[in-house]
Protein backbone atom coordinates (compact mmCIF):
# COMPACT_ATOMS: atom_id res chain seq x y z
CA UNK A 1 61.05 11.73 -57.93
CA UNK A 2 63.35 10.18 -55.33
CA UNK A 3 61.88 8.58 -52.23
CA UNK A 4 62.83 9.42 -48.68
CA UNK A 5 61.51 7.63 -45.62
CA UNK A 6 59.23 9.65 -43.35
CA UNK A 7 61.40 9.33 -40.28
CA UNK A 8 59.80 9.83 -36.88
CA UNK A 9 61.73 11.45 -34.05
CA UNK A 10 61.98 8.10 -32.26
CA UNK A 11 63.37 6.40 -35.39
CA UNK A 12 65.90 9.16 -35.93
CA UNK A 13 67.15 9.02 -32.34
CA UNK A 14 67.44 5.24 -32.54
CA UNK A 15 69.43 5.38 -35.80
CA UNK A 16 71.70 8.12 -34.45
CA UNK A 17 72.29 6.18 -31.25
CA UNK A 18 73.34 3.15 -33.30
CA UNK A 19 75.62 5.27 -35.49
CA UNK A 20 73.58 4.56 -38.64
CA UNK A 21 72.55 8.19 -39.19
CA UNK A 22 73.99 11.59 -38.35
CA UNK A 23 72.34 14.98 -38.06
CA UNK A 24 74.55 16.17 -40.93
CA UNK A 25 73.41 13.34 -43.19
CA UNK A 26 69.77 13.91 -42.25
CA UNK A 27 70.06 17.62 -43.03
CA UNK A 28 71.62 16.80 -46.40
CA UNK A 29 68.71 14.48 -47.18
CA UNK A 30 66.14 17.14 -46.34
CA UNK A 31 68.02 19.82 -48.29
CA UNK A 32 68.09 17.56 -51.34
CA UNK A 33 64.38 16.93 -50.99
CA UNK A 34 63.64 20.65 -50.60
CA UNK A 35 65.63 21.32 -53.76
CA UNK A 36 63.79 18.56 -55.63
CA UNK A 37 60.21 19.20 -54.47
CA UNK A 38 60.03 22.70 -53.10
CA UNK A 39 62.26 24.69 -55.41
CA UNK A 40 61.98 22.44 -58.48
CA UNK A 41 59.68 19.58 -59.52
CA UNK A 42 56.22 20.32 -58.08
CA UNK A 43 57.57 23.67 -56.76
CA UNK A 44 55.62 23.51 -53.51
CA UNK A 45 57.20 26.80 -52.42
CA UNK A 46 56.79 26.05 -48.71
CA UNK A 47 60.31 26.96 -47.52
CA UNK A 48 61.00 30.66 -47.78
CA UNK A 49 64.63 30.51 -46.63
CA UNK A 50 67.26 27.90 -45.70
CA UNK A 51 69.43 28.47 -42.66
CA UNK A 52 72.89 29.14 -44.16
CA UNK A 53 74.52 27.80 -40.97
CA UNK A 54 72.57 24.56 -40.89
CA UNK A 55 75.45 22.24 -41.82
CA UNK A 56 77.83 23.60 -39.19
CA UNK A 57 75.07 23.37 -36.56
CA UNK A 58 74.43 19.74 -37.52
CA UNK A 59 78.13 18.90 -37.36
CA UNK A 60 78.42 20.49 -33.93
CA UNK A 61 75.47 18.48 -32.61
CA UNK A 62 76.94 15.29 -34.09
CA UNK A 63 80.17 16.03 -32.24
CA UNK A 64 78.23 16.43 -28.99
CA UNK A 65 76.59 13.06 -29.54
CA UNK A 66 79.98 11.45 -30.13
CA UNK A 67 80.95 12.81 -26.72
CA UNK A 68 77.83 11.24 -25.18
CA UNK A 69 75.95 14.50 -24.86
CA UNK A 70 72.35 14.24 -26.05
CA UNK A 71 70.39 17.30 -24.99
CA UNK A 72 66.84 16.03 -25.52
CA UNK A 73 64.62 14.00 -27.82
CA UNK A 74 65.03 16.82 -30.36
CA UNK A 75 68.84 16.61 -30.44
CA UNK A 76 69.80 16.72 -34.12
CA UNK A 77 66.19 16.95 -35.32
CA UNK A 78 65.65 19.36 -38.26
CA UNK A 79 62.76 21.76 -37.61
CA UNK A 80 61.26 24.37 -39.93
CA UNK A 81 59.70 27.41 -38.31
CA UNK A 82 57.23 29.92 -39.64
CA UNK A 83 58.66 33.19 -40.96
CA UNK A 84 56.92 35.30 -38.33
CA UNK A 85 59.10 33.83 -35.56
CA UNK A 86 62.30 35.71 -34.70
CA UNK A 87 65.68 34.09 -35.16
CA UNK A 88 68.85 35.92 -34.20
CA UNK A 89 71.01 34.44 -36.93
CA UNK A 90 71.54 34.96 -40.65
CA UNK A 91 67.88 34.35 -41.53
CA UNK A 92 65.27 37.06 -41.97
CA UNK A 93 62.00 37.40 -40.05
CA UNK A 94 59.49 39.06 -42.35
CA UNK A 95 56.00 37.60 -41.77
CA UNK A 96 56.15 37.04 -45.52
CA UNK A 97 56.03 40.77 -46.26
CA UNK A 98 58.36 42.75 -48.47
CA UNK A 99 57.86 45.56 -45.96
CA UNK A 100 60.08 43.61 -43.53
CA UNK A 101 62.46 42.21 -46.16
CA UNK A 102 66.00 42.07 -44.80
CA UNK A 103 64.90 42.23 -41.16
CA UNK A 104 67.31 40.28 -38.95
CA UNK A 105 65.87 40.01 -35.44
CA UNK A 106 67.92 41.34 -32.54
CA UNK A 107 67.07 38.29 -30.44
CA UNK A 108 65.69 34.78 -30.79
CA UNK A 109 62.04 34.25 -29.97
CA UNK A 110 61.67 32.49 -26.63
CA UNK A 111 60.59 29.25 -28.30
CA UNK A 112 63.58 29.42 -30.66
CA UNK A 113 65.92 29.70 -27.66
CA UNK A 114 64.27 26.61 -26.23
CA UNK A 115 64.65 24.73 -29.51
CA UNK A 116 68.34 25.59 -29.71
CA UNK A 117 68.89 24.60 -26.07
CA UNK A 118 67.19 21.26 -26.79
CA UNK A 119 69.58 20.59 -29.69
CA UNK A 120 67.00 21.03 -32.44
CA UNK A 121 68.31 22.21 -35.81
CA UNK A 122 66.55 25.23 -37.29
CA UNK A 123 66.59 24.03 -40.90
CA UNK A 124 64.86 27.08 -42.34
CA UNK A 125 61.87 29.38 -42.35
CA UNK A 126 58.48 28.51 -43.80
CA UNK A 127 56.40 30.60 -46.15
CA UNK A 128 53.04 31.75 -44.80
CA UNK A 129 49.94 33.70 -45.62
CA UNK A 130 51.36 37.23 -45.44
CA UNK A 131 51.01 38.86 -42.00
CA UNK A 132 49.56 35.55 -40.79
CA UNK A 133 46.56 36.15 -43.06
CA UNK A 134 45.56 39.42 -41.43
CA UNK A 135 45.94 41.87 -44.28
CA UNK A 136 42.90 41.58 -46.52
CA UNK A 137 39.29 40.44 -46.41
CA UNK A 138 39.85 38.84 -49.85
CA UNK A 139 43.16 37.11 -49.26
CA UNK A 140 44.46 33.88 -50.74
CA UNK A 141 46.00 31.64 -48.08
CA UNK A 142 49.57 30.52 -48.59
CA UNK A 143 50.54 33.61 -50.58
CA UNK A 144 53.03 36.22 -49.42
CA UNK A 145 54.71 39.07 -51.27
CA UNK A 146 58.12 37.78 -50.20
CA UNK A 147 57.54 34.07 -50.75
CA UNK A 148 54.85 33.75 -53.41
CA UNK A 149 52.22 30.98 -53.40
CA UNK A 150 52.59 27.75 -51.44
CA UNK A 151 50.91 24.76 -53.10
CA UNK A 152 49.02 21.83 -51.61
CA UNK A 153 50.99 18.59 -52.13
CA UNK A 154 47.75 16.56 -52.31
CA UNK A 155 46.66 18.58 -55.36
CA UNK A 156 48.96 21.24 -56.72
CA UNK A 157 46.13 23.43 -57.99
CA UNK A 158 44.61 23.67 -54.52
CA UNK A 159 45.16 25.84 -51.49
CA UNK A 160 47.22 24.59 -48.53
CA UNK A 161 45.19 26.77 -46.12
CA UNK A 162 46.93 29.06 -43.69
CA UNK A 163 48.34 30.98 -42.28
CA UNK A 164 50.95 28.34 -41.33
CA UNK A 165 50.86 27.11 -44.93
CA UNK A 166 54.56 26.47 -45.45
CA UNK A 167 55.02 24.81 -42.07
CA UNK A 168 52.23 22.31 -42.79
CA UNK A 169 53.24 21.62 -46.39
CA UNK A 170 56.90 21.11 -45.39
CA UNK A 171 55.88 18.45 -42.86
CA UNK A 172 53.36 16.78 -45.19
CA UNK A 173 55.87 16.63 -48.06
CA UNK A 174 58.64 15.31 -45.77
CA UNK A 175 60.91 18.34 -46.15
CA UNK A 176 61.64 18.30 -42.41
CA UNK A 177 60.86 16.14 -39.40
CA UNK A 178 58.53 18.58 -37.64
CA UNK A 179 57.61 22.26 -37.92
CA UNK A 180 56.24 25.13 -35.88
CA UNK A 181 53.29 27.23 -36.94
CA UNK A 182 51.35 29.98 -35.21
CA UNK A 183 47.62 30.45 -34.74
CA UNK A 184 45.28 33.29 -33.93
CA UNK A 185 42.20 31.50 -35.26
CA UNK A 186 42.68 28.41 -37.38
CA UNK A 187 46.22 29.03 -38.59
CA UNK A 188 47.63 25.78 -37.16
CA UNK A 189 44.45 23.71 -37.32
CA UNK A 190 43.38 24.50 -40.91
CA UNK A 191 46.70 23.94 -42.74
CA UNK A 192 47.37 20.82 -40.66
CA UNK A 193 44.02 19.27 -41.53
CA UNK A 194 44.25 20.37 -45.18
CA UNK A 195 47.65 18.66 -45.49
CA UNK A 196 46.73 15.48 -43.58
CA UNK A 197 48.96 15.97 -40.56
CA UNK A 198 48.71 16.64 -36.83
CA UNK A 199 48.50 20.17 -35.47
CA UNK A 200 48.21 21.31 -31.87
CA UNK A 201 46.95 24.78 -30.98
CA UNK A 202 47.97 25.13 -27.30
CA UNK A 203 46.22 26.95 -24.48
CA UNK A 204 47.16 30.63 -24.29
CA UNK A 205 49.85 30.84 -21.62
CA UNK A 206 51.39 27.44 -22.30
CA UNK A 207 53.80 28.73 -24.96
CA UNK A 208 55.54 32.12 -24.92
CA UNK A 209 54.64 34.61 -27.65
CA UNK A 210 57.72 36.76 -27.19
CA UNK A 211 59.58 37.31 -30.45
CA UNK A 212 56.65 36.40 -32.73
CA UNK A 213 55.19 38.96 -35.14
CA UNK A 214 51.73 39.38 -33.60
CA UNK A 215 48.08 39.71 -34.45
CA UNK A 216 46.50 39.45 -31.02
CA UNK A 217 47.96 38.91 -27.56
CA UNK A 218 44.56 37.49 -26.60
CA UNK A 219 44.63 34.68 -29.15
CA UNK A 220 48.14 34.25 -30.60
CA UNK A 221 50.13 31.13 -29.88
CA UNK A 222 52.75 28.98 -31.58
CA UNK A 223 52.00 25.28 -31.99
CA UNK A 224 53.63 22.04 -33.16
CA UNK A 225 52.94 20.53 -36.59
CA UNK A 226 53.94 16.92 -37.21
CA UNK A 227 53.09 13.73 -39.07
CA UNK A 228 52.22 11.88 -35.86
CA UNK A 229 50.74 12.74 -32.48
CA UNK A 230 53.89 11.44 -30.80
CA UNK A 231 56.18 13.76 -32.77
CA UNK A 232 53.86 16.68 -32.00
CA UNK A 233 54.08 15.82 -28.30
CA UNK A 234 57.89 15.69 -28.46
CA UNK A 235 57.93 19.17 -30.01
CA UNK A 236 55.41 20.53 -27.52
CA UNK A 237 57.67 19.34 -24.67
CA UNK A 238 60.37 21.73 -25.83
CA UNK A 239 58.09 24.65 -26.70
CA UNK A 240 56.28 25.02 -23.37
CA UNK A 241 57.68 27.02 -20.49
CA UNK A 242 57.48 30.06 -18.27
CA UNK A 243 58.79 33.25 -19.87
CA UNK A 244 59.17 36.22 -17.53
CA UNK A 245 58.55 38.56 -20.46
CA UNK A 246 55.19 36.99 -21.33
CA UNK A 247 52.62 37.55 -18.58
CA UNK A 248 50.30 34.88 -19.99
CA UNK A 249 52.88 32.23 -19.04
CA UNK A 250 53.51 33.58 -15.54
CA UNK A 251 50.00 34.19 -14.21
CA UNK A 252 48.14 30.94 -14.82
CA UNK A 253 49.57 29.06 -11.81
CA UNK A 254 49.17 25.69 -13.52
CA UNK A 255 51.50 22.75 -13.12
CA UNK A 256 52.69 22.03 -16.65
CA UNK A 257 53.61 18.42 -17.54
CA UNK A 258 57.29 17.84 -18.09
CA UNK A 259 56.62 15.21 -20.74
CA UNK A 260 53.50 15.12 -22.90
CA UNK A 261 54.53 11.77 -24.40
CA UNK A 262 53.44 10.06 -21.18
CA UNK A 263 49.85 10.67 -22.29
CA UNK A 264 50.33 8.59 -25.45
CA UNK A 265 48.03 5.73 -24.49
CA UNK A 266 46.58 3.55 -27.28
CA UNK A 267 43.79 2.64 -24.86
CA UNK A 268 43.32 6.27 -23.86
CA UNK A 269 39.67 6.49 -24.91
CA UNK A 270 38.31 4.26 -22.18
CA UNK A 271 36.10 6.24 -19.77
CA UNK A 272 36.45 9.32 -21.99
CA UNK A 273 33.28 11.27 -22.84
CA UNK A 274 33.34 13.13 -26.16
CA UNK A 275 30.57 15.42 -27.34
CA UNK A 276 29.85 15.78 -31.06
CA UNK A 277 29.30 19.47 -31.89
CA UNK A 278 26.61 19.35 -34.55
CA UNK A 279 26.94 23.11 -35.25
CA UNK A 280 29.76 22.24 -37.63
CA UNK A 281 27.96 19.65 -39.73
CA UNK A 282 25.68 20.06 -42.73
CA UNK A 283 28.05 22.06 -44.93
CA UNK A 284 29.31 19.09 -46.96
CA UNK A 285 27.84 15.59 -47.17
CA UNK A 286 31.26 14.20 -48.11
CA UNK A 287 32.97 15.75 -45.09
CA UNK A 288 30.12 14.73 -42.78
CA UNK A 289 30.37 11.12 -43.95
CA UNK A 290 34.05 10.93 -43.05
CA UNK A 291 33.53 12.48 -39.61
CA UNK A 292 30.59 10.14 -38.91
CA UNK A 293 32.91 7.21 -39.60
CA UNK A 294 35.50 8.73 -37.25
CA UNK A 295 32.88 9.12 -34.51
CA UNK A 296 31.86 5.48 -34.94
CA UNK A 297 35.51 4.47 -34.63
CA UNK A 298 35.83 6.50 -31.43
CA UNK A 299 32.90 4.49 -30.04
CA UNK A 300 34.44 1.19 -31.06
CA UNK A 301 37.72 1.91 -29.30
CA UNK A 302 36.15 2.88 -26.01
CA UNK A 303 34.89 6.47 -26.01
CA UNK A 304 31.46 7.34 -24.74
CA UNK A 305 29.95 9.55 -27.43
CA UNK A 306 27.44 12.23 -26.45
CA UNK A 307 25.59 13.25 -29.61
CA UNK A 308 24.49 15.90 -30.26
CA UNK A 309 25.95 18.79 -28.31
CA UNK A 310 25.82 22.38 -29.46
CA UNK A 311 27.90 25.49 -28.88
CA UNK A 312 25.05 27.98 -29.15
CA UNK A 313 27.10 31.18 -29.07
CA UNK A 314 29.09 30.74 -32.29
CA UNK A 315 27.17 33.23 -34.42
CA UNK A 316 27.32 35.87 -31.68
CA UNK A 317 31.08 35.44 -31.41
CA UNK A 318 32.08 36.58 -34.88
CA UNK A 319 31.75 40.35 -34.58
CA UNK A 320 33.30 40.84 -31.11
CA UNK A 321 36.22 38.60 -32.10
CA UNK A 322 36.80 40.65 -35.24
CA UNK A 323 36.73 43.93 -33.29
CA UNK A 324 39.21 42.60 -30.71
CA UNK A 325 41.58 41.41 -33.43
CA UNK A 326 41.53 44.81 -35.16
CA UNK A 327 42.37 46.65 -31.92
CA UNK A 328 44.98 44.09 -30.88
CA UNK A 329 46.66 44.02 -34.28
CA UNK A 330 47.30 47.75 -34.34
CA UNK A 331 48.50 47.82 -30.72
CA UNK A 332 50.56 44.62 -30.81
CA UNK A 333 52.22 45.16 -34.20
CA UNK A 334 53.20 48.70 -33.19
CA UNK A 335 54.68 47.28 -29.97
CA UNK A 336 56.62 44.63 -31.90
CA UNK A 337 58.11 47.25 -34.23
CA UNK A 338 58.96 49.50 -31.29
CA UNK A 339 60.82 46.62 -29.65
CA UNK A 340 62.66 45.20 -32.67
CA UNK A 341 62.68 48.12 -35.11
CA UNK A 342 62.34 50.47 -36.75
CA UNK A 343 62.34 47.93 -39.59
CA UNK A 344 63.31 49.38 -42.98
CA UNK A 345 62.49 52.81 -41.49
CA UNK A 346 58.93 51.59 -40.79
CA UNK A 347 57.87 52.60 -37.27
CA UNK A 348 54.22 51.54 -37.10
CA UNK A 349 51.24 50.09 -38.94
CA UNK A 350 50.58 53.40 -40.66
CA UNK A 351 54.05 53.28 -42.23
CA UNK A 352 53.40 49.72 -43.47
CA UNK A 353 50.13 50.82 -45.09
CA UNK A 354 52.06 53.57 -46.87
CA UNK A 355 54.78 51.12 -47.95
CA UNK A 356 52.16 48.74 -49.35
CA UNK A 357 50.53 51.56 -51.31
CA UNK A 358 53.87 52.68 -52.71
CA UNK A 359 54.73 49.11 -53.76
CA UNK A 360 51.33 47.90 -54.94
CA UNK A 361 52.52 45.91 -57.95
CA UNK A 362 54.76 43.68 -55.83
CA UNK A 363 52.90 43.69 -52.52
CA UNK A 364 49.26 43.79 -53.57
CA UNK A 365 48.92 42.16 -57.02
CA UNK A 366 46.05 39.89 -55.92
CA UNK A 367 44.43 41.47 -52.87
CA UNK A 368 44.64 44.68 -50.87
CA UNK A 369 45.05 45.65 -47.21
CA UNK A 370 41.53 46.28 -45.92
CA UNK A 371 42.30 44.79 -42.50
CA UNK A 372 45.38 46.98 -42.03
CA UNK A 373 43.32 50.07 -42.79
CA UNK A 374 40.46 49.00 -40.50
CA UNK A 375 42.89 48.21 -37.66
CA UNK A 376 44.72 51.52 -38.09
CA UNK A 377 41.44 53.39 -37.63
CA UNK A 378 40.88 51.83 -34.20
CA UNK A 379 41.74 53.63 -30.97
CA UNK A 380 43.58 52.29 -27.93
CA UNK A 381 43.00 49.23 -25.74
CA UNK A 382 41.37 51.52 -23.17
CA UNK A 383 38.43 52.24 -25.52
CA UNK A 384 35.04 51.08 -24.24
CA UNK A 385 34.31 49.39 -27.57
CA UNK A 386 37.40 47.21 -27.15
CA UNK A 387 36.78 46.33 -23.51
CA UNK A 388 33.15 45.42 -24.20
CA UNK A 389 34.08 43.30 -27.22
CA UNK A 390 36.79 41.48 -25.24
CA UNK A 391 34.40 40.74 -22.39
CA UNK A 392 31.86 39.39 -24.89
CA UNK A 393 34.54 37.20 -26.47
CA UNK A 394 35.50 35.64 -23.17
CA UNK A 395 31.91 35.14 -22.03
CA UNK A 396 30.60 33.74 -25.32
CA UNK A 397 33.55 31.41 -25.97
CA UNK A 398 34.20 30.29 -22.40
CA UNK A 399 31.39 30.56 -19.82
CA UNK A 400 28.52 30.39 -22.32
CA UNK A 401 30.45 28.41 -24.91
CA UNK A 402 32.95 25.60 -24.42
CA UNK A 403 32.84 25.56 -20.60
CA UNK A 404 29.05 25.36 -20.59
CA UNK A 405 28.94 22.45 -23.04
CA UNK A 406 31.66 20.54 -21.19
CA UNK A 407 29.91 21.02 -17.86
CA UNK A 408 26.34 20.35 -19.02
CA UNK A 409 27.28 17.02 -20.59
CA UNK A 410 30.18 16.13 -18.27
CA UNK A 411 32.54 15.94 -21.25
CA UNK A 412 36.27 15.47 -21.53
CA UNK A 413 36.37 16.98 -25.03
CA UNK A 414 34.31 18.18 -27.97
CA UNK A 415 34.75 16.74 -31.48
CA UNK A 416 34.06 18.48 -34.79
CA UNK A 417 35.23 18.49 -38.41
CA UNK A 418 38.51 20.43 -38.55
CA UNK A 419 37.66 21.95 -41.91
CA UNK A 420 36.65 21.27 -45.47
CA UNK A 421 38.58 19.82 -48.38
CA UNK A 422 41.12 22.13 -50.00
CA UNK A 423 39.69 24.64 -52.47
CA UNK A 424 41.22 25.59 -55.81
CA UNK A 425 43.65 28.52 -55.56
CA UNK A 426 41.65 31.54 -56.68
CA UNK A 427 43.13 35.03 -56.89
CA UNK A 428 39.87 36.48 -58.17
CA UNK A 429 37.57 35.43 -55.33
CA UNK A 430 40.15 34.65 -52.65
CA UNK A 431 39.69 31.89 -50.08
CA UNK A 432 36.40 30.04 -50.05
CA UNK A 433 36.53 27.25 -47.49
CA UNK A 434 33.21 25.78 -46.34
CA UNK A 435 33.79 24.18 -42.93
CA UNK A 436 35.85 25.29 -39.93
CA UNK A 437 35.62 24.68 -36.20
CA UNK A 438 38.61 26.55 -34.81
CA UNK A 439 37.01 29.78 -33.58
CA UNK A 440 35.50 28.77 -30.24
CA UNK A 441 38.77 27.35 -28.90
CA UNK A 442 40.81 30.15 -30.50
CA UNK A 443 38.79 32.96 -28.92
CA UNK A 444 38.59 31.16 -25.56
CA UNK A 445 42.35 30.58 -25.60
CA UNK A 446 41.73 26.85 -25.16
CA UNK A 447 43.63 23.91 -26.72
CA UNK A 448 42.66 22.26 -30.00
CA UNK A 449 44.18 19.32 -31.85
CA UNK A 450 43.52 18.07 -35.38
CA UNK A 451 44.45 14.69 -36.82
CA UNK A 452 43.75 12.99 -40.17
CA UNK A 453 40.27 11.45 -40.46
CA UNK A 454 40.04 10.58 -44.15
CA UNK A 455 40.07 11.80 -47.75
CA UNK A 456 37.58 13.24 -50.23
CA UNK A 457 38.78 12.45 -53.78
CA UNK A 458 42.27 12.26 -52.31
CA UNK A 459 41.98 15.58 -50.46
CA UNK A 460 42.60 15.38 -46.70
CA UNK A 461 39.94 15.82 -44.03
CA UNK A 462 40.75 16.14 -40.32
CA UNK A 463 38.86 15.78 -37.07
CA UNK A 464 39.38 18.23 -34.22
CA UNK A 465 39.19 17.70 -30.48
CA UNK A 466 39.07 20.69 -28.15
CA UNK A 467 38.45 21.20 -24.45
CA UNK A 468 39.03 23.55 -21.52
CA UNK A 469 42.18 25.43 -20.59
CA UNK A 470 45.37 23.35 -20.21
CA UNK A 471 43.64 20.10 -21.16
CA UNK A 472 46.36 19.22 -23.69
CA UNK A 473 47.04 15.89 -21.91
CA UNK A 474 43.46 14.70 -22.51
CA UNK A 475 43.45 15.85 -26.12
CA UNK A 476 46.78 14.16 -26.83
CA UNK A 477 45.47 10.96 -25.25
CA UNK A 478 42.29 11.04 -27.38
CA UNK A 479 44.10 11.91 -30.60
CA UNK A 480 46.79 9.26 -30.10
CA UNK A 481 44.28 6.48 -29.37
CA UNK A 482 42.32 7.41 -32.51
CA UNK A 483 45.48 7.66 -34.60
CA UNK A 484 46.79 4.27 -33.48
CA UNK A 485 43.45 2.58 -34.10
CA UNK A 486 43.00 4.05 -37.58
CA UNK A 487 46.42 4.93 -39.09
CA UNK A 488 44.59 6.93 -41.75
CA UNK A 489 47.32 9.25 -42.98
CA UNK A 490 48.78 8.71 -46.47
CA UNK A 491 51.76 10.69 -47.83
CA UNK A 492 51.00 13.10 -50.69
CA UNK A 493 51.58 12.07 -54.29
CA UNK A 494 51.80 15.62 -55.74
CA UNK A 495 49.14 15.32 -58.48
CA UNK A 496 48.56 18.36 -60.69
CA UNK A 497 44.87 18.12 -59.75
CA UNK A 498 42.50 15.62 -58.20
CA UNK A 499 40.27 13.46 -60.34
CA UNK A 500 36.63 14.08 -59.41
CA UNK A 501 34.03 11.56 -60.52
CA UNK A 502 31.19 13.00 -62.55
């Protein structure tokens, strides 16, 4: 297996400035690595499609640089984006489903326009858990009917988590510089932590959702996935922005930082109060041990640790969140198809259910479509059941949840285990993760960041920091200080399976 340096964005820009590297050469290196690791060798299966125009785009950006035009810190940087994000080019946007196979979007997603304007290179599309993991109650993350199963590079028999499986694996395996995933609840945080990288789930309203195959307008957002906090901040810089078509970005009246890298302070934990949410402990002694060490490190490098704190509404949150997602999925997916379709003669969720039934052998060989059916049975967003569930979600996750804990203890952020170690891929029982702390921030629409904290038998474990709305600067500061003090992350070695002591 050939080696390729894990270039950071800063290193790439420096090499390009000195004439020692070109965007074209960098793209060639990544394409060779994708061919070696993703399509052959370990067959990670994280990249669902390569941009057929990628070389000409790279050459054009190299020409701009020769003429002293550098658009941004992402100029010439190869990015992989999740296959539920529209691109108006020669690549498909399918959400991993054969139902949407062949769909070429009529317009770029807003964030894709911003990437192109910044000079980023869309290298390809990433595989994902089909329909962003909102199809079945017994699903296997990282599997889609169009793309097949994505593998975890830290143990090829284990699950990469999802739904941004391919985005996270591509970054972890050094198949691109950075990637974009999407999250409704855990879909950036879980695959990032399970693949030992950095993932940021932004505040709802910071990043436009226009042109992204939806689950829920209340919780959906795209987020950066990277090997370092700094690279994630560079990517976030380009992704954020006001979009007149997305009301969540126009109504918050917040002043958004122009450059999130200015919050990269190695001494950023001084005078920072972090609460340890003990709700999320006790599921695994091995995970707990790693997070306890991380908490001790946070103390050593200047944070004031408030331990314990507790988000007391978590159990009450599950059912109203689920009801909201069912209603939103039917409404939002139908709206997406109405705007960009019909797609393969499919006009709504009911048509997709029919398509799946008619193509069961290819579309549903491992698990069914219970969530599609449950969503399709829901009424409209004017139903009392929906409005009551949504109000409960906001109250339990915000006022009585995160906001209450932050205020009661005068905290800057809350810390928790991001998730458990990767489980063995299992098509019989589906996913069976043990730990996860994404829901409170996801339902509240608040920011969350995960960074590597350690390893259990070589399997990655991450720590999450979350806080109130638009507190990305604080979270980036905390995560960066921890990252610089620990430098925990190790690249994957692609073992067939991990060796567990007996």
